[in-house]
C-alpha atoms as a PDB file:
ATOM      1  CA  MET A   1     160.554  95.062  54.574  1.00  0.00           C
ATOM      2  CA  ILE A   2     164.042  93.711  54.877  1.00  0.00           C
ATOM      3  CA  LEU A   3     166.224  94.044  51.769  1.00  0.00           C
ATOM      4  CA  GLY A   4     163.114  94.813  49.753  1.00  0.00           C
ATOM      5  CA  ILE A   5     161.410  91.515  50.683  1.00  0.00           C
ATOM      6  CA  PRO A   6     158.312  91.473  52.916  1.00  0.00           C
ATOM      7  CA  TRP A   7     158.689  89.947  56.403  1.00  0.00           C
ATOM      8  CA  TRP A   8     156.093  87.254  55.702  1.00  0.00           C
ATOM      9  CA  VAL A   9     158.315  85.780  52.966  1.00  0.00           C
ATOM     10  CA  TYR A  10     161.056  85.231  55.556  1.00  0.00           C
ATOM     11  CA  MET A  11     158.509  83.641  57.878  1.00  0.00           C
ATOM     12  CA  PHE A  12     157.347  81.388  55.049  1.00  0.00           C
ATOM     13  CA  ILE A  13     160.907  80.246  54.361  1.00  0.00           C
ATOM     14  CA  LEU A  14     161.483  79.697  58.083  1.00  0.00           C
ATOM     15  CA  PHE A  15     158.360  77.533  58.315  1.00  0.00           C
ATOM     16  CA  ILE A  16     159.504  75.482  55.315  1.00  0.00           C
ATOM     17  CA  PHE A  17     162.777  74.673  57.082  1.00  0.00           C
ATOM     18  CA  PHE A  18     160.945  73.986  60.336  1.00  0.00           C
ATOM     19  CA  SER A  19     158.570  71.624  58.537  1.00  0.00           C
ATOM     20  CA  GLY A  20     161.506  69.763  56.988  1.00  0.00           C
ATOM     21  CA  TYR A  21     163.150  69.420  60.393  1.00  0.00           C
ATOM     22  CA  MET A  22     159.963  68.061  61.960  1.00  0.00           C
ATOM     23  CA  ALA A  23     159.526  65.595  59.074  1.00  0.00           C
ATOM     24  CA  PHE A  24     163.122  64.423  59.578  1.00  0.00           C
ATOM     25  CA  ARG A  25     162.466  63.891  63.293  1.00  0.00           C
ATOM     26  CA  ALA A  26     159.268  61.956  62.529  1.00  0.00           C
ATOM     27  CA  VAL A  27     161.041  59.661  60.062  1.00  0.00           C
ATOM     28  CA  ARG A  28     163.845  59.014  62.552  1.00  0.00           C
ATOM     29  CA  ALA A  29     161.360  58.215  65.338  1.00  0.00           C
ATOM     30  CA  GLU A  30     159.414  55.915  63.020  1.00  0.00           C
ATOM     31  CA  LYS A  31     162.586  54.006  62.122  1.00  0.00           C
ATOM     32  CA  ARG A  32     163.415  53.637  65.805  1.00  0.00           C
ATOM     33  CA  LEU A  33     159.936  52.261  66.548  1.00  0.00           C
ATOM     34  CA  GLU A  34     160.174  49.891  63.597  1.00  0.00           C
ATOM     35  CA  MET A  35     163.534  48.571  64.780  1.00  0.00           C
ATOM     36  CA  GLN A  36     162.151  47.992  68.268  1.00  0.00           C
ATOM     37  CA  PHE A  37     159.218  46.090  66.804  1.00  0.00           C
ATOM     38  CA  ILE A  38     161.507  43.995  64.598  1.00  0.00           C
ATOM     39  CA  GLU A  39     163.780  43.183  67.544  1.00  0.00           C
ATOM     40  CA  ARG A  40     160.821  42.236  69.743  1.00  0.00           C
ATOM     41  CA  GLU A  41     159.310  39.986  67.064  1.00  0.00           C
ATOM     42  CA  GLY A  42     162.739  38.474  66.380  1.00  0.00           C
ATOM     43  CA  LYS A  43     163.129  37.650  70.056  1.00  0.00           C
ATOM     44  CA  VAL A  44     159.702  35.968  70.104  1.00  0.00           C
ATOM     45  CA  TYR A  45     160.694  33.949  67.038  1.00  0.00           C
ATOM     46  CA  MET A  46     164.055  32.926  68.522  1.00  0.00           C
ATOM     47  CA  ASP A  47     162.384  31.951  71.815  1.00  0.00           C
ATOM     48  CA  ARG A  48     159.910  29.802  69.894  1.00  0.00           C
ATOM     49  CA  ILE A  49     162.758  28.098  68.029  1.00  0.00           C
ATOM     50  CA  GLN A  50     164.643  27.506  71.289  1.00  0.00           C
ATOM     51  CA  ASP A  51     161.537  26.025  72.929  1.00  0.00           C
ATOM     52  CA  GLU A  52     160.970  23.738  69.954  1.00  0.00           C
ATOM     53  CA  ARG A  53     164.619  22.659  70.001  1.00  0.00           C
ATOM     54  CA  SER A  54     164.557  21.875  73.725  1.00  0.00           C
ATOM     55  CA  GLN A  55     161.250  20.061  73.323  1.00  0.00           C
ATOM     56  CA  ARG A  56     162.719  17.908  70.539  1.00  0.00           C
ATOM     57  CA  GLN A  57     165.796  17.109  72.620  1.00  0.00           C
ATOM     58  CA  GLY A  58     163.518  16.110  75.506  1.00  0.00           C
ATOM     59  CA  ASN A  59     161.489  13.846  73.236  1.00  0.00           C
ATOM     60  CA  GLU A  60     164.638  12.266  71.791  1.00  0.00           C
ATOM     61  CA  SER A  61     165.956  11.575  75.296  1.00  0.00           C
ATOM     62  CA  GLU A  62     162.698   9.885  76.277  1.00  0.00           C
ATOM     63  CA  THR A  63     162.761   7.792  73.087  1.00  0.00           C
ATOM     64  CA  GLU A  64     166.354   6.708  73.731  1.00  0.00           C
ATOM     65  CA  GLN A  65     165.529   5.738  77.317  1.00  0.00           C
ATOM     66  CA  LYS A  66     162.529   3.672  76.150  1.00  0.00           C
ATOM     67  CA  GLN A  67     164.657   1.933  73.549  1.00  0.00           C
ATOM     68  CA  MET A  68     167.371   1.091  76.125  1.00  0.00           C
ATOM     69  CA  THR A  69     164.879  -0.316  78.620  1.00  0.00           C
ATOM     70  CA  SER A  70     163.158  -2.442  75.948  1.00  0.00           C
ATOM     71  CA  VAL A  71     166.465  -3.994  74.793  1.00  0.00           C
END
């Protein structure tokens, strides 16, 4: 007994704080993983847009060349 309180009460309080700390770490790690996933998916999306844009520019160039040769 410390200050009239059993030792297991102190251990219980210690485990409550430890549990809160571990939950905080888990939330922080989950946010980090989510951000990585969002960035990866964003990069895939931007690459797809860039490919589509370059493909359109290539098609427009071919169309312009066909129109110039037919004139």
